[in-house]
Amino acid sequence: MKPTKFEWEDVTQFEEIEGYGKSIWKNEDKYYLVLEEGTVASWLVIYELPQELFALLESGERTFQEVSWKVQNDS
């Protein structure tokens, strides 16, 4: 999936989903995943998190690492 055009300042206005260390946020009916990317210098990248993947994460069927890999690599 491609990153959104949101910046960290935008995301902090959304509702934080507790239990994920400021990595998952909700705005209206959409979820967003905030990931740190880069090697030497890192930056925050915001992806839209499909509701189906959020449901799998919440149910415990998938781990945070599995969901973030799916979102980053679209596979």
N, C-alpha and C. Protein backbone atom coordinates (compact mmCIF):
# COMPACT_ATOMS: atom_id res chain seq x y z
N MET A 1 0.84 -1.17 0.00
CA MET A 1 0.00 0.00 0.00
C MET A 1 0.88 1.24 0.00
N LYS A 2 0.39 2.28 -0.57
CA LYS A 2 1.14 3.51 -0.61
C LYS A 2 0.87 4.32 0.65
N PRO A 3 1.89 5.04 1.13
CA PRO A 3 1.68 5.90 2.28
C PRO A 3 0.67 7.01 1.96
N THR A 4 0.00 7.49 3.00
CA THR A 4 -0.91 8.62 2.82
C THR A 4 -0.09 9.90 2.78
N LYS A 5 -0.75 11.00 2.56
CA LYS A 5 -0.08 12.30 2.56
C LYS A 5 -0.14 12.95 3.95
N PHE A 6 -0.69 12.23 4.94
CA PHE A 6 -0.76 12.77 6.28
C PHE A 6 0.62 12.90 6.90
N GLU A 7 0.76 13.91 7.72
CA GLU A 7 1.96 14.11 8.54
C GLU A 7 1.62 13.74 9.97
N TRP A 8 2.65 13.56 10.81
CA TRP A 8 2.44 13.22 12.21
C TRP A 8 1.50 14.21 12.89
N GLU A 9 1.65 15.49 12.58
CA GLU A 9 0.81 16.52 13.19
C GLU A 9 -0.67 16.32 12.86
N ASP A 10 -0.95 15.81 11.67
CA ASP A 10 -2.33 15.52 11.28
C ASP A 10 -2.87 14.35 12.10
N VAL A 11 -2.07 13.30 12.19
CA VAL A 11 -2.51 12.07 12.84
C VAL A 11 -2.78 12.30 14.33
N THR A 12 -2.01 13.15 14.97
CA THR A 12 -2.20 13.38 16.41
C THR A 12 -3.54 14.03 16.72
N GLN A 13 -4.23 14.50 15.70
CA GLN A 13 -5.57 15.06 15.88
C GLN A 13 -6.63 13.95 15.86
N PHE A 14 -6.24 12.76 15.45
CA PHE A 14 -7.15 11.62 15.39
C PHE A 14 -7.27 10.97 16.76
N GLU A 15 -8.11 9.96 16.86
CA GLU A 15 -8.29 9.21 18.10
C GLU A 15 -7.24 8.10 18.16
N GLU A 16 -6.45 8.08 19.22
CA GLU A 16 -5.43 7.04 19.38
C GLU A 16 -6.10 5.75 19.84
N ILE A 17 -5.75 4.63 19.21
CA ILE A 17 -6.23 3.32 19.63
C ILE A 17 -5.23 2.80 20.67
N GLU A 18 -5.68 2.67 21.89
CA GLU A 18 -4.81 2.27 22.99
C GLU A 18 -4.28 0.86 22.80
N GLY A 19 -3.07 0.64 23.32
CA GLY A 19 -2.48 -0.69 23.30
C GLY A 19 -1.49 -0.93 22.17
N TYR A 20 -1.29 0.06 21.32
CA TYR A 20 -0.39 -0.11 20.18
C TYR A 20 0.73 0.91 20.15
N GLY A 21 0.99 1.57 21.26
CA GLY A 21 2.12 2.48 21.36
C GLY A 21 2.13 3.62 20.37
N LYS A 22 1.02 4.30 20.22
CA LYS A 22 0.88 5.44 19.29
C LYS A 22 1.09 5.04 17.82
N SER A 23 0.81 3.78 17.50
CA SER A 23 0.99 3.31 16.12
C SER A 23 -0.30 3.20 15.34
N ILE A 24 -1.45 3.11 16.02
CA ILE A 24 -2.73 2.99 15.31
C ILE A 24 -3.66 4.10 15.78
N TRP A 25 -4.24 4.78 14.80
CA TRP A 25 -5.11 5.92 15.06
C TRP A 25 -6.37 5.76 14.24
N LYS A 26 -7.45 6.39 14.67
CA LYS A 26 -8.73 6.30 13.96
C LYS A 26 -9.27 7.71 13.73
N ASN A 27 -9.75 7.93 12.52
CA ASN A 27 -10.40 9.19 12.16
C ASN A 27 -11.69 8.82 11.44
N GLU A 28 -12.81 9.17 12.08
CA GLU A 28 -14.14 8.79 11.60
C GLU A 28 -14.20 7.27 11.48
N ASP A 29 -14.32 6.71 10.28
CA ASP A 29 -14.40 5.25 10.16
C ASP A 29 -13.15 4.63 9.54
N LYS A 30 -12.04 5.37 9.51
CA LYS A 30 -10.81 4.87 8.92
C LYS A 30 -9.72 4.75 9.97
N TYR A 31 -8.92 3.69 9.82
CA TYR A 31 -7.79 3.45 10.72
C TYR A 31 -6.50 3.79 9.98
N TYR A 32 -5.50 4.24 10.75
CA TYR A 32 -4.21 4.59 10.18
C TYR A 32 -3.10 3.95 10.99
N LEU A 33 -2.08 3.50 10.29
CA LEU A 33 -0.93 2.85 10.90
C LEU A 33 0.27 3.77 10.73
N VAL A 34 0.94 4.10 11.83
CA VAL A 34 2.12 4.96 11.80
C VAL A 34 3.34 4.08 12.02
N LEU A 35 4.26 4.08 11.05
CA LEU A 35 5.46 3.26 11.15
C LEU A 35 6.70 4.13 10.97
N GLU A 36 7.75 3.73 11.65
CA GLU A 36 9.04 4.40 11.48
C GLU A 36 9.79 3.64 10.40
N GLU A 37 10.26 4.37 9.40
CA GLU A 37 10.98 3.74 8.29
C GLU A 37 12.32 4.43 8.09
N GLY A 38 13.20 3.76 7.39
CA GLY A 38 14.52 4.30 7.12
C GLY A 38 15.59 3.50 7.83
N THR A 39 16.83 3.74 7.46
CA THR A 39 17.92 3.01 8.07
C THR A 39 18.75 3.93 8.94
N VAL A 40 19.60 4.74 8.35
CA VAL A 40 20.44 5.65 9.13
C VAL A 40 19.59 6.79 9.69
N ALA A 41 18.84 7.43 8.83
CA ALA A 41 17.89 8.46 9.27
C ALA A 41 16.49 7.87 9.14
N SER A 42 15.70 8.02 10.17
CA SER A 42 14.36 7.45 10.11
C SER A 42 13.31 8.56 10.08
N TRP A 43 12.13 8.21 9.61
CA TRP A 43 11.02 9.14 9.52
C TRP A 43 9.74 8.36 9.73
N LEU A 44 8.67 9.06 10.05
CA LEU A 44 7.37 8.43 10.26
C LEU A 44 6.59 8.40 8.96
N VAL A 45 5.98 7.26 8.67
CA VAL A 45 5.17 7.09 7.47
C VAL A 45 3.79 6.63 7.92
N ILE A 46 2.76 7.24 7.36
CA ILE A 46 1.39 6.93 7.75
C ILE A 46 0.69 6.19 6.60
N TYR A 47 0.17 5.00 6.92
CA TYR A 47 -0.57 4.18 5.97
C TYR A 47 -2.02 4.08 6.41
N GLU A 48 -2.92 3.96 5.45
CA GLU A 48 -4.29 3.64 5.80
C GLU A 48 -4.32 2.15 6.14
N LEU A 49 -4.96 1.82 7.24
CA LEU A 49 -5.05 0.44 7.70
C LEU A 49 -6.46 -0.07 7.42
N PRO A 50 -6.61 -1.02 6.48
CA PRO A 50 -7.94 -1.54 6.17
C PRO A 50 -8.62 -2.12 7.41
N GLN A 51 -9.92 -1.93 7.51
CA GLN A 51 -10.67 -2.41 8.67
C GLN A 51 -10.53 -3.91 8.85
N GLU A 52 -10.42 -4.65 7.75
CA GLU A 52 -10.28 -6.11 7.86
C GLU A 52 -9.00 -6.48 8.59
N LEU A 53 -7.91 -5.77 8.27
CA LEU A 53 -6.64 -6.05 8.95
C LEU A 53 -6.69 -5.62 10.41
N PHE A 54 -7.33 -4.49 10.69
CA PHE A 54 -7.46 -4.06 12.08
C PHE A 54 -8.26 -5.09 12.87
N ALA A 55 -9.30 -5.65 12.27
CA ALA A 55 -10.12 -6.66 12.94
C ALA A 55 -9.30 -7.92 13.24
N LEU A 56 -8.44 -8.34 12.30
CA LEU A 56 -7.58 -9.49 12.53
C LEU A 56 -6.59 -9.23 13.66
N LEU A 57 -6.08 -8.01 13.72
CA LEU A 57 -5.16 -7.62 14.78
C LEU A 57 -5.86 -7.62 16.13
N GLU A 58 -7.02 -7.01 16.19
CA GLU A 58 -7.77 -6.92 17.44
C GLU A 58 -8.20 -8.29 17.95
N SER A 59 -8.52 -9.20 17.04
CA SER A 59 -8.98 -10.53 17.44
C SER A 59 -7.82 -11.42 17.88
N GLY A 60 -6.59 -11.00 17.57
CA GLY A 60 -5.43 -11.82 17.92
C GLY A 60 -5.06 -12.82 16.85
N GLU A 61 -5.81 -12.81 15.74
CA GLU A 61 -5.52 -13.73 14.64
C GLU A 61 -4.22 -13.40 13.94
N ARG A 62 -3.84 -12.13 13.95
CA ARG A 62 -2.59 -11.66 13.35
C ARG A 62 -1.87 -10.77 14.36
N THR A 63 -0.53 -10.80 14.28
CA THR A 63 0.26 -9.95 15.17
C THR A 63 0.44 -8.56 14.55
N PHE A 64 0.91 -7.64 15.36
CA PHE A 64 1.17 -6.29 14.86
C PHE A 64 2.21 -6.35 13.74
N GLN A 65 3.24 -7.18 13.91
CA GLN A 65 4.29 -7.30 12.89
C GLN A 65 3.73 -7.83 11.57
N GLU A 66 2.85 -8.80 11.64
CA GLU A 66 2.25 -9.36 10.42
C GLU A 66 1.40 -8.31 9.70
N VAL A 67 0.61 -7.58 10.46
CA VAL A 67 -0.26 -6.56 9.87
C VAL A 67 0.58 -5.43 9.27
N SER A 68 1.59 -4.97 9.99
CA SER A 68 2.41 -3.87 9.46
C SER A 68 3.18 -4.32 8.22
N TRP A 69 3.65 -5.58 8.17
CA TRP A 69 4.32 -6.10 6.98
C TRP A 69 3.37 -6.09 5.79
N LYS A 70 2.15 -6.54 6.01
CA LYS A 70 1.13 -6.58 4.94
C LYS A 70 0.86 -5.17 4.39
N VAL A 71 0.74 -4.22 5.29
CA VAL A 71 0.44 -2.86 4.87
C VAL A 71 1.62 -2.26 4.12
N GLN A 72 2.83 -2.44 4.64
CA GLN A 72 4.02 -1.87 3.99
C GLN A 72 4.31 -2.50 2.63
N ASN A 73 4.13 -3.79 2.54
CA ASN A 73 4.56 -4.51 1.33
C ASN A 73 3.40 -4.93 0.43
N ASP A 74 2.17 -4.66 0.86
CA ASP A 74 0.98 -4.99 0.09
C ASP A 74 0.98 -6.48 -0.31
N SER A 75 1.41 -7.31 0.66
CA SER A 75 1.41 -8.76 0.37
C SER A 75 1.13 -9.54 1.64
